[in-house]
Amino acid sequence: MWPEYTVLTVVGIIVVVLIELFVVRSGIFRKPAYWLAMAICLSFQILVDGYLTKLSNPIVLYNPDHMLGLRFPWDIPIEDFGFGFAMLTTVLMVWQGLKNRRERQAQEVTVDVTQ
């Protein structure tokens, strides 16, 4: 049986990607700005998470029964990267989706005025 934190992380990633591809369809996965934002957030995640989870003096403790036990780099549980991806993608997806909707509504108003 898979560890709980690992399962929840994988489910979170799959759900967020499916919501983006089939429901929200904001197009963020095609935007370089999304990938740049992810890289920036990942660099800070490595710094902060590495400090919080270092095995030599951890501030945050994980139950090893609930995770795979793979840690990279600086003792960061691999699941943290998947969780971070899902969380940040959700925020950016909703933000871009709302922006797209607002732009479509503005276009509809412009079309109505000109007719």
C-alpha atoms as a PDB file:
ATOM      1  CA  MET A   1       0.000   0.000   0.000  1.00  0.00           C
ATOM      2  CA  TRP A   2       1.196   3.485  -0.846  1.00  0.00           C
ATOM      3  CA  PRO A   3       1.917   5.954   1.967  1.00  0.00           C
ATOM      4  CA  GLU A   4      -0.881   8.425   2.711  1.00  0.00           C
ATOM      5  CA  TYR A   5       1.038  11.655   2.038  1.00  0.00           C
ATOM      6  CA  THR A   6       2.314  10.245  -1.252  1.00  0.00           C
ATOM      7  CA  VAL A   7      -1.157   9.185  -2.373  1.00  0.00           C
ATOM      8  CA  LEU A   8      -2.687  12.543  -1.480  1.00  0.00           C
ATOM      9  CA  THR A   9       0.097  14.363  -3.316  1.00  0.00           C
ATOM     10  CA  VAL A  10      -0.340  12.301  -6.489  1.00  0.00           C
ATOM     11  CA  VAL A  11      -4.134  12.663  -6.339  1.00  0.00           C
ATOM     12  CA  GLY A  12      -3.736  16.423  -5.839  1.00  0.00           C
ATOM     13  CA  ILE A  13      -1.498  16.753  -8.884  1.00  0.00           C
ATOM     14  CA  ILE A  14      -3.805  14.678 -11.084  1.00  0.00           C
ATOM     15  CA  VAL A  15      -6.947  16.521  -9.959  1.00  0.00           C
ATOM     16  CA  VAL A  16      -5.411  19.961 -10.516  1.00  0.00           C
ATOM     17  CA  VAL A  17      -4.098  19.057 -13.979  1.00  0.00           C
ATOM     18  CA  LEU A  18      -7.449  17.547 -14.993  1.00  0.00           C
ATOM     19  CA  ILE A  19      -9.351  20.596 -13.720  1.00  0.00           C
ATOM     20  CA  GLU A  20      -7.050  22.862 -15.732  1.00  0.00           C
ATOM     21  CA  LEU A  21      -7.268  20.784 -18.905  1.00  0.00           C
ATOM     22  CA  PHE A  22     -11.003  20.015 -18.889  1.00  0.00           C
ATOM     23  CA  VAL A  23     -12.797  22.586 -16.704  1.00  0.00           C
ATOM     24  CA  VAL A  24     -10.997  25.907 -16.292  1.00  0.00           C
ATOM     25  CA  ARG A  25      -8.913  25.716 -19.490  1.00  0.00           C
ATOM     26  CA  SER A  26      -6.987  28.874 -18.635  1.00  0.00           C
ATOM     27  CA  GLY A  27      -4.052  27.861 -20.818  1.00  0.00           C
ATOM     28  CA  ILE A  28      -1.423  28.354 -18.115  1.00  0.00           C
ATOM     29  CA  PHE A  29       0.562  25.254 -19.088  1.00  0.00           C
ATOM     30  CA  ARG A  30       1.291  26.907 -22.449  1.00  0.00           C
ATOM     31  CA  LYS A  31       2.476  30.184 -20.936  1.00  0.00           C
ATOM     32  CA  PRO A  32       6.192  30.768 -20.281  1.00  0.00           C
ATOM     33  CA  ALA A  33       5.200  33.101 -17.431  1.00  0.00           C
ATOM     34  CA  TYR A  34       3.609  30.158 -15.585  1.00  0.00           C
ATOM     35  CA  TRP A  35       6.770  28.063 -15.843  1.00  0.00           C
ATOM     36  CA  LEU A  36       8.917  31.034 -14.806  1.00  0.00           C
ATOM     37  CA  ALA A  37       6.686  31.615 -11.766  1.00  0.00           C
ATOM     38  CA  MET A  38       6.936  27.917 -10.898  1.00  0.00           C
ATOM     39  CA  ALA A  39      10.749  28.045 -11.151  1.00  0.00           C
ATOM     40  CA  ILE A  40      10.904  31.104  -8.898  1.00  0.00           C
ATOM     41  CA  CYS A  41       8.588  29.520  -6.327  1.00  0.00           C
ATOM     42  CA  LEU A  42      10.485  26.236  -6.502  1.00  0.00           C
ATOM     43  CA  SER A  43      13.782  27.969  -5.757  1.00  0.00           C
ATOM     44  CA  PHE A  44      12.323  29.573  -2.646  1.00  0.00           C
ATOM     45  CA  GLN A  45      10.587  26.324  -1.703  1.00  0.00           C
ATOM     46  CA  ILE A  46      13.940  24.540  -1.777  1.00  0.00           C
ATOM     47  CA  LEU A  47      15.499  27.145   0.497  1.00  0.00           C
ATOM     48  CA  VAL A  48      12.658  27.284   3.021  1.00  0.00           C
ATOM     49  CA  ASP A  49      11.661  23.630   2.929  1.00  0.00           C
ATOM     50  CA  GLY A  50      15.304  22.560   3.089  1.00  0.00           C
ATOM     51  CA  TYR A  51      15.763  24.587   6.253  1.00  0.00           C
ATOM     52  CA  LEU A  52      12.529  23.369   7.844  1.00  0.00           C
ATOM     53  CA  THR A  53      12.999  19.656   7.091  1.00  0.00           C
ATOM     54  CA  LYS A  54      16.756  19.118   7.395  1.00  0.00           C
ATOM     55  CA  LEU A  55      17.310  15.843   9.183  1.00  0.00           C
ATOM     56  CA  SER A  56      20.189  17.216  11.279  1.00  0.00           C
ATOM     57  CA  ASN A  57      17.885  19.619  13.135  1.00  0.00           C
ATOM     58  CA  PRO A  58      14.312  19.476  11.767  1.00  0.00           C
ATOM     59  CA  ILE A  59      11.665  22.037  12.593  1.00  0.00           C
ATOM     60  CA  VAL A  60       8.973  20.128  10.704  1.00  0.00           C
ATOM     61  CA  LEU A  61       8.732  16.397  11.332  1.00  0.00           C
ATOM     62  CA  TYR A  62       7.088  13.882   9.017  1.00  0.00           C
ATOM     63  CA  ASN A  63       5.815  10.481   9.998  1.00  0.00           C
ATOM     64  CA  PRO A  64       7.958   8.165   7.850  1.00  0.00           C
ATOM     65  CA  ASP A  65       5.056   5.695   7.606  1.00  0.00           C
ATOM     66  CA  HIS A  66       3.056   8.263   5.585  1.00  0.00           C
ATOM     67  CA  MET A  67       5.656   9.110   2.910  1.00  0.00           C
ATOM     68  CA  LEU A  68       7.971   7.350   0.481  1.00  0.00           C
ATOM     69  CA  GLY A  69      11.106   8.376   2.347  1.00  0.00           C
ATOM     70  CA  LEU A  70      12.765   9.909  -0.721  1.00  0.00           C
ATOM     71  CA  ARG A  71      14.358  13.211   0.226  1.00  0.00           C
ATOM     72  CA  PHE A  72      16.010  15.593  -2.213  1.00  0.00           C
ATOM     73  CA  PRO A  73      17.754  18.083  -1.920  1.00  0.00           C
ATOM     74  CA  TRP A  74      18.618  18.990   1.669  1.00  0.00           C
ATOM     75  CA  ASP A  75      16.346  16.314   3.098  1.00  0.00           C
ATOM     76  CA  ILE A  76      13.145  17.691   1.529  1.00  0.00           C
ATOM     77  CA  PRO A  77      10.488  14.981   1.179  1.00  0.00           C
ATOM     78  CA  ILE A  78       9.823  14.482  -2.530  1.00  0.00           C
ATOM     79  CA  GLU A  79       6.081  14.749  -1.885  1.00  0.00           C
ATOM     80  CA  ASP A  80       6.505  18.384  -0.857  1.00  0.00           C
ATOM     81  CA  PHE A  81       7.356  19.291  -4.456  1.00  0.00           C
ATOM     82  CA  GLY A  82       4.204  17.650  -5.774  1.00  0.00           C
ATOM     83  CA  PHE A  83       2.077  19.326  -3.128  1.00  0.00           C
ATOM     84  CA  GLY A  84       3.707  22.685  -3.930  1.00  0.00           C
ATOM     85  CA  PHE A  85       3.062  22.176  -7.651  1.00  0.00           C
ATOM     86  CA  ALA A  86      -0.611  21.399  -7.036  1.00  0.00           C
ATOM     87  CA  MET A  87      -1.089  24.320  -4.664  1.00  0.00           C
ATOM     88  CA  LEU A  88       0.644  26.928  -6.840  1.00  0.00           C
ATOM     89  CA  THR A  89      -0.942  25.657 -10.024  1.00  0.00           C
ATOM     90  CA  THR A  90      -4.387  25.904  -8.428  1.00  0.00           C
ATOM     91  CA  VAL A  91      -3.825  29.533  -7.455  1.00  0.00           C
ATOM     92  CA  LEU A  92      -2.390  30.518 -10.843  1.00  0.00           C
ATOM     93  CA  MET A  93      -5.063  28.570 -12.723  1.00  0.00           C
ATOM     94  CA  VAL A  94      -7.907  30.295 -10.867  1.00  0.00           C
ATOM     95  CA  TRP A  95      -6.245  33.687 -11.237  1.00  0.00           C
ATOM     96  CA  GLN A  96      -5.726  33.244 -15.002  1.00  0.00           C
ATOM     97  CA  GLY A  97      -9.190  31.720 -15.429  1.00  0.00           C
ATOM     98  CA  LEU A  98     -10.824  34.735 -13.768  1.00  0.00           C
ATOM     99  CA  LYS A  99      -8.708  37.085 -15.872  1.00  0.00           C
ATOM    100  CA  ASN A 100      -9.744  35.250 -19.050  1.00  0.00           C
ATOM    101  CA  ARG A 101     -13.417  35.443 -18.040  1.00  0.00           C
ATOM    102  CA  ARG A 102     -13.168  39.171 -17.332  1.00  0.00           C
ATOM    103  CA  GLU A 103     -11.557  39.729 -20.758  1.00  0.00           C
ATOM    104  CA  ARG A 104     -14.314  37.706 -22.504  1.00  0.00           C
ATOM    105  CA  GLN A 105     -17.003  39.708 -20.687  1.00  0.00           C
ATOM    106  CA  ALA A 106     -15.339  42.980 -21.713  1.00  0.00           C
ATOM    107  CA  GLN A 107     -15.295  41.807 -25.345  1.00  0.00           C
ATOM    108  CA  GLU A 108     -18.975  40.856 -25.156  1.00  0.00           C
ATOM    109  CA  VAL A 109     -19.850  44.309 -23.847  1.00  0.00           C
ATOM    110  CA  THR A 110     -17.839  45.914 -26.661  1.00  0.00           C
ATOM    111  CA  VAL A 111     -19.651  43.796 -29.248  1.00  0.00           C
ATOM    112  CA  ASP A 112     -23.065  44.663 -27.760  1.00  0.00           C
ATOM    113  CA  VAL A 113     -22.299  48.396 -27.837  1.00  0.00           C
ATOM    114  CA  THR A 114     -21.190  48.362 -31.459  1.00  0.00           C
ATOM    115  CA  GLN A 115     -24.252  46.462 -32.736  1.00  0.00           C
END
